[in-house]
Amino acid sequence: MASLLALLQPMRRIILYSIVLGLLLVLMQYVQYRFLFIRRADSVYTGIVAAVCCAAGIWGGWRWNYARRHTPAPELPLNLPNSAGTNTEAVIARLGLTPREVEVLQYLSKGLSNQEIADAMFVSLNTVKTHISNVFSKLDVQRRTQAIQKVKSLGLLSD
């Protein structure tokens, strides 16, 4: 029993020392709280509101941009009629049009702008301009209306 009391004596000092340090820490935090929040309350609250608004703006912008980039493109049905006995794949192959260029032609026939086509296809505006330029050169036309008239006359797009 005496050895147990001798063993607890140094532990008692450690526990007492820890309690005193803990109380001193609480006192220091209270003084710091009074100094920061009571004397400079308007600055602290303004900073908190600014931080919350900044965080909400960053989060909202991220969510909007993520949703915009990860929304699947609307499925555009291929309007490739085969009414006049024309083989559309053969005509497309003869003209040298790629599937993306055919898709661009379909969007052009619906009257979409370059930016709307880029958004629908999830590509850049410059990529759409390149596709349109390639389509114009392969169809040997100068304008959108000429391109649409030509592919309709070839039976690639329905009216």
C-alpha atoms as a PDB file:
ATOM      1  CA  MET A   1       0.000   0.000   0.000  1.00  0.00           C
ATOM      2  CA  ALA A   2       2.830   2.340   0.852  1.00  0.00           C
ATOM      3  CA  SER A   3       4.432   1.673  -2.512  1.00  0.00           C
ATOM      4  CA  LEU A   4       1.144   2.529  -4.253  1.00  0.00           C
ATOM      5  CA  LEU A   5       0.954   5.885  -2.419  1.00  0.00           C
ATOM      6  CA  ALA A   6       4.569   6.573  -3.339  1.00  0.00           C
ATOM      7  CA  LEU A   7       3.737   5.843  -6.965  1.00  0.00           C
ATOM      8  CA  LEU A   8       0.676   8.142  -6.982  1.00  0.00           C
ATOM      9  CA  GLN A   9       2.552  11.106  -5.454  1.00  0.00           C
ATOM     10  CA  PRO A  10       4.276  12.165  -8.742  1.00  0.00           C
ATOM     11  CA  MET A  11       1.041  11.512 -10.693  1.00  0.00           C
ATOM     12  CA  ARG A  12      -0.787  13.885  -8.368  1.00  0.00           C
ATOM     13  CA  ARG A  13       1.622  16.655  -9.264  1.00  0.00           C
ATOM     14  CA  ILE A  14       1.197  15.979 -12.966  1.00  0.00           C
ATOM     15  CA  ILE A  15      -2.607  16.040 -12.698  1.00  0.00           C
ATOM     16  CA  LEU A  16      -2.557  19.243 -10.618  1.00  0.00           C
ATOM     17  CA  TYR A  17      -0.112  20.864 -13.060  1.00  0.00           C
ATOM     18  CA  SER A  18      -2.354  19.858 -16.030  1.00  0.00           C
ATOM     19  CA  ILE A  19      -5.437  21.351 -14.365  1.00  0.00           C
ATOM     20  CA  VAL A  20      -3.636  24.633 -13.666  1.00  0.00           C
ATOM     21  CA  LEU A  21      -2.370  24.831 -17.264  1.00  0.00           C
ATOM     22  CA  GLY A  22      -5.849  24.044 -18.598  1.00  0.00           C
ATOM     23  CA  LEU A  23      -7.418  26.814 -16.493  1.00  0.00           C
ATOM     24  CA  LEU A  24      -4.704  29.232 -17.615  1.00  0.00           C
ATOM     25  CA  LEU A  25      -5.445  28.327 -21.246  1.00  0.00           C
ATOM     26  CA  VAL A  26      -9.182  28.915 -20.709  1.00  0.00           C
ATOM     27  CA  LEU A  27      -8.423  32.314 -19.152  1.00  0.00           C
ATOM     28  CA  MET A  28      -6.198  33.276 -22.094  1.00  0.00           C
ATOM     29  CA  GLN A  29      -8.879  32.234 -24.600  1.00  0.00           C
ATOM     30  CA  TYR A  30     -11.505  34.282 -22.735  1.00  0.00           C
ATOM     31  CA  VAL A  31      -9.259  37.373 -22.767  1.00  0.00           C
ATOM     32  CA  GLN A  32      -8.548  36.885 -26.448  1.00  0.00           C
ATOM     33  CA  TYR A  33     -12.286  36.468 -27.142  1.00  0.00           C
ATOM     34  CA  ARG A  34     -13.115  39.696 -25.343  1.00  0.00           C
ATOM     35  CA  PHE A  35     -10.316  41.515 -27.157  1.00  0.00           C
ATOM     36  CA  LEU A  36     -11.266  40.259 -30.630  1.00  0.00           C
ATOM     37  CA  PHE A  37     -15.022  39.938 -30.645  1.00  0.00           C
ATOM     38  CA  ILE A  38     -16.191  42.596 -28.231  1.00  0.00           C
ATOM     39  CA  ARG A  39     -13.852  45.439 -29.124  1.00  0.00           C
ATOM     40  CA  ARG A  40     -13.735  44.715 -32.862  1.00  0.00           C
ATOM     41  CA  ALA A  41     -17.081  43.042 -33.355  1.00  0.00           C
ATOM     42  CA  ASP A  42     -18.023  44.920 -36.534  1.00  0.00           C
ATOM     43  CA  SER A  43     -14.780  44.010 -38.312  1.00  0.00           C
ATOM     44  CA  VAL A  44     -14.958  40.383 -37.244  1.00  0.00           C
ATOM     45  CA  TYR A  45     -18.587  39.975 -38.280  1.00  0.00           C
ATOM     46  CA  THR A  46     -17.945  41.723 -41.594  1.00  0.00           C
ATOM     47  CA  GLY A  47     -15.045  39.362 -42.227  1.00  0.00           C
ATOM     48  CA  ILE A  48     -17.173  36.335 -41.365  1.00  0.00           C
ATOM     49  CA  VAL A  49     -19.974  37.465 -43.687  1.00  0.00           C
ATOM     50  CA  ALA A  50     -17.444  38.118 -46.465  1.00  0.00           C
ATOM     51  CA  ALA A  51     -15.879  34.667 -46.014  1.00  0.00           C
ATOM     52  CA  VAL A  52     -19.276  32.938 -46.062  1.00  0.00           C
ATOM     53  CA  CYS A  53     -20.381  34.860 -49.181  1.00  0.00           C
ATOM     54  CA  CYS A  54     -17.074  34.100 -50.914  1.00  0.00           C
ATOM     55  CA  ALA A  55     -17.393  30.400 -50.093  1.00  0.00           C
ATOM     56  CA  ALA A  56     -21.013  30.352 -51.289  1.00  0.00           C
ATOM     57  CA  GLY A  57     -20.018  32.088 -54.544  1.00  0.00           C
ATOM     58  CA  ILE A  58     -17.206  29.652 -55.215  1.00  0.00           C
ATOM     59  CA  TRP A  59     -19.434  26.671 -54.437  1.00  0.00           C
ATOM     60  CA  GLY A  60     -22.299  28.008 -56.565  1.00  0.00           C
ATOM     61  CA  GLY A  61     -20.035  28.744 -59.507  1.00  0.00           C
ATOM     62  CA  TRP A  62     -18.477  25.319 -59.284  1.00  0.00           C
ATOM     63  CA  ARG A  63     -21.892  23.606 -59.146  1.00  0.00           C
ATOM     64  CA  TRP A  64     -23.229  25.648 -62.074  1.00  0.00           C
ATOM     65  CA  ASN A  65     -20.156  24.979 -64.197  1.00  0.00           C
ATOM     66  CA  TYR A  66     -20.073  21.271 -63.266  1.00  0.00           C
ATOM     67  CA  ALA A  67     -23.762  20.854 -64.115  1.00  0.00           C
ATOM     68  CA  ARG A  68     -23.297  22.706 -67.390  1.00  0.00           C
ATOM     69  CA  ARG A  69     -20.330  20.605 -68.461  1.00  0.00           C
ATOM     70  CA  HIS A  70     -21.782  17.273 -67.370  1.00  0.00           C
ATOM     71  CA  THR A  71     -25.255  17.594 -68.854  1.00  0.00           C
ATOM     72  CA  PRO A  72     -25.581  15.136 -71.706  1.00  0.00           C
ATOM     73  CA  ALA A  73     -26.170  16.606 -75.118  1.00  0.00           C
ATOM     74  CA  PRO A  74     -29.688  16.219 -76.419  1.00  0.00           C
ATOM     75  CA  GLU A  75     -29.930  13.333 -78.789  1.00  0.00           C
ATOM     76  CA  LEU A  76     -30.343  14.682 -82.265  1.00  0.00           C
ATOM     77  CA  PRO A  77     -32.046  12.130 -84.476  1.00  0.00           C
ATOM     78  CA  LEU A  78     -30.442  11.572 -87.806  1.00  0.00           C
ATOM     79  CA  ASN A  79     -32.794  12.985 -90.393  1.00  0.00           C
ATOM     80  CA  LEU A  80     -31.362  11.004 -93.220  1.00  0.00           C
ATOM     81  CA  PRO A  81     -34.273  10.060 -95.444  1.00  0.00           C
ATOM     82  CA  ASN A  82     -33.925   7.345 -97.975  1.00  0.00           C
ATOM     83  CA  SER A  83     -36.991   8.370 -99.966  1.00  0.00           C
ATOM     84  CA  ALA A  84     -35.543   8.973-103.414  1.00  0.00           C
ATOM     85  CA  GLY A  85     -33.721   5.651-103.500  1.00  0.00           C
ATOM     86  CA  THR A  86     -30.472   7.360-102.531  1.00  0.00           C
ATOM     87  CA  ASN A  87     -28.020   5.559-100.349  1.00  0.00           C
ATOM     88  CA  THR A  88     -27.192   8.201 -97.747  1.00  0.00           C
ATOM     89  CA  GLU A  89     -24.037   6.470 -96.527  1.00  0.00           C
ATOM     90  CA  ALA A  90     -22.715   6.365-100.068  1.00  0.00           C
ATOM     91  CA  VAL A  91     -23.487  10.064-100.593  1.00  0.00           C
ATOM     92  CA  ILE A  92     -21.817  10.969 -97.292  1.00  0.00           C
ATOM     93  CA  ALA A  93     -18.788   8.849 -98.190  1.00  0.00           C
ATOM     94  CA  ARG A  94     -18.625  10.397-101.684  1.00  0.00           C
ATOM     95  CA  LEU A  95     -18.657  13.896-100.193  1.00  0.00           C
ATOM     96  CA  GLY A  96     -16.098  12.887 -97.570  1.00  0.00           C
ATOM     97  CA  LEU A  97     -18.188  14.127 -94.633  1.00  0.00           C
ATOM     98  CA  THR A  98     -17.329  12.887 -91.168  1.00  0.00           C
ATOM     99  CA  PRO A  99     -20.062  11.974 -88.651  1.00  0.00           C
ATOM    100  CA  ARG A 100     -19.336  15.162 -86.695  1.00  0.00           C
ATOM    101  CA  GLU A 101     -19.689  17.248 -89.852  1.00  0.00           C
ATOM    102  CA  VAL A 102     -23.045  15.584 -90.564  1.00  0.00           C
ATOM    103  CA  GLU A 103     -24.068  16.439 -86.995  1.00  0.00           C
ATOM    104  CA  VAL A 104     -22.998  20.054 -87.559  1.00  0.00           C
ATOM    105  CA  LEU A 105     -25.088  20.110 -90.744  1.00  0.00           C
ATOM    106  CA  GLN A 106     -28.114  18.916 -88.791  1.00  0.00           C
ATOM    107  CA  TYR A 107     -27.659  21.680 -86.239  1.00  0.00           C
ATOM    108  CA  LEU A 108     -27.200  24.203 -89.054  1.00  0.00           C
ATOM    109  CA  SER A 109     -30.449  23.059 -90.625  1.00  0.00           C
ATOM    110  CA  LYS A 110     -32.213  23.745 -87.320  1.00  0.00           C
ATOM    111  CA  GLY A 111     -30.934  27.340 -87.429  1.00  0.00           C
ATOM    112  CA  LEU A 112     -28.575  27.184 -84.447  1.00  0.00           C
ATOM    113  CA  SER A 113     -25.752  29.693 -84.079  1.00  0.00           C
ATOM    114  CA  ASN A 114     -22.111  28.622 -83.857  1.00  0.00           C
ATOM    115  CA  GLN A 115     -22.110  29.068 -80.055  1.00  0.00           C
ATOM    116  CA  GLU A 116     -25.317  27.043 -79.672  1.00  0.00           C
ATOM    117  CA  ILE A 117     -23.829  24.265 -81.784  1.00  0.00           C
ATOM    118  CA  ALA A 118     -20.653  24.327 -79.676  1.00  0.00           C
ATOM    119  CA  ASP A 119     -22.703  24.064 -76.471  1.00  0.00           C
ATOM    120  CA  ALA A 120     -24.804  21.216 -77.843  1.00  0.00           C
ATOM    121  CA  MET A 121     -21.773  19.261 -79.066  1.00  0.00           C
ATOM    122  CA  PHE A 122     -19.607  20.088 -76.010  1.00  0.00           C
ATOM    123  CA  VAL A 123     -16.798  21.451 -78.154  1.00  0.00           C
ATOM    124  CA  SER A 124     -15.186  24.853 -78.461  1.00  0.00           C
ATOM    125  CA  LEU A 125     -16.443  27.592 -80.734  1.00  0.00           C
ATOM    126  CA  ASN A 126     -13.286  27.291 -82.852  1.00  0.00           C
ATOM    127  CA  THR A 127     -13.922  23.572 -83.370  1.00  0.00           C
ATOM    128  CA  VAL A 128     -17.417  24.317 -84.685  1.00  0.00           C
ATOM    129  CA  LYS A 129     -16.022  26.981 -87.018  1.00  0.00           C
ATOM    130  CA  THR A 130     -13.485  24.467 -88.307  1.00  0.00           C
ATOM    131  CA  HIS A 131     -16.205  21.850 -88.914  1.00  0.00           C
ATOM    132  CA  ILE A 132     -18.354  24.413 -90.756  1.00  0.00           C
ATOM    133  CA  SER A 133     -15.398  25.506 -92.878  1.00  0.00           C
ATOM    134  CA  ASN A 134     -14.663  21.871 -93.764  1.00  0.00           C
ATOM    135  CA  VAL A 135     -18.322  21.276 -94.646  1.00  0.00           C
ATOM    136  CA  PHE A 136     -18.386  24.361 -96.866  1.00  0.00           C
ATOM    137  CA  SER A 137     -15.266  23.283 -98.727  1.00  0.00           C
ATOM    138  CA  LYS A 138     -16.483  19.678 -99.163  1.00  0.00           C
ATOM    139  CA  LEU A 139     -19.877  20.841-100.412  1.00  0.00           C
ATOM    140  CA  ASP A 140     -18.332  23.645-102.484  1.00  0.00           C
ATOM    141  CA  VAL A 141     -20.600  26.330-101.019  1.00  0.00           C
ATOM    142  CA  GLN A 142     -20.077  29.766 -99.501  1.00  0.00           C
ATOM    143  CA  ARG A 143     -22.948  30.168 -97.003  1.00  0.00           C
ATOM    144  CA  ARG A 144     -25.038  28.185 -94.552  1.00  0.00           C
ATOM    145  CA  THR A 145     -28.168  28.466 -96.662  1.00  0.00           C
ATOM    146  CA  GLN A 146     -26.348  27.092 -99.702  1.00  0.00           C
ATOM    147  CA  ALA A 147     -25.017  24.175 -97.641  1.00  0.00           C
ATOM    148  CA  ILE A 148     -28.468  23.321 -96.301  1.00  0.00           C
ATOM    149  CA  GLN A 149     -30.030  23.551 -99.785  1.00  0.00           C
ATOM    150  CA  LYS A 150     -27.337  21.312-101.230  1.00  0.00           C
ATOM    151  CA  VAL A 151     -27.631  18.548 -98.609  1.00  0.00           C
ATOM    152  CA  LYS A 152     -31.436  18.670 -98.899  1.00  0.00           C
ATOM    153  CA  SER A 153     -31.185  18.322-102.676  1.00  0.00           C
ATOM    154  CA  LEU A 154     -28.862  15.351-102.186  1.00  0.00           C
ATOM    155  CA  GLY A 155     -31.429  13.795 -99.857  1.00  0.00           C
ATOM    156  CA  LEU A 156     -29.263  13.904 -96.739  1.00  0.00           C
ATOM    157  CA  LEU A 157     -31.628  16.070 -94.691  1.00  0.00           C
ATOM    158  CA  SER A 158     -35.402  16.081 -94.705  1.00  0.00           C
ATOM    159  CA  ASP A 159     -37.343  19.288 -95.211  1.00  0.00           C
END
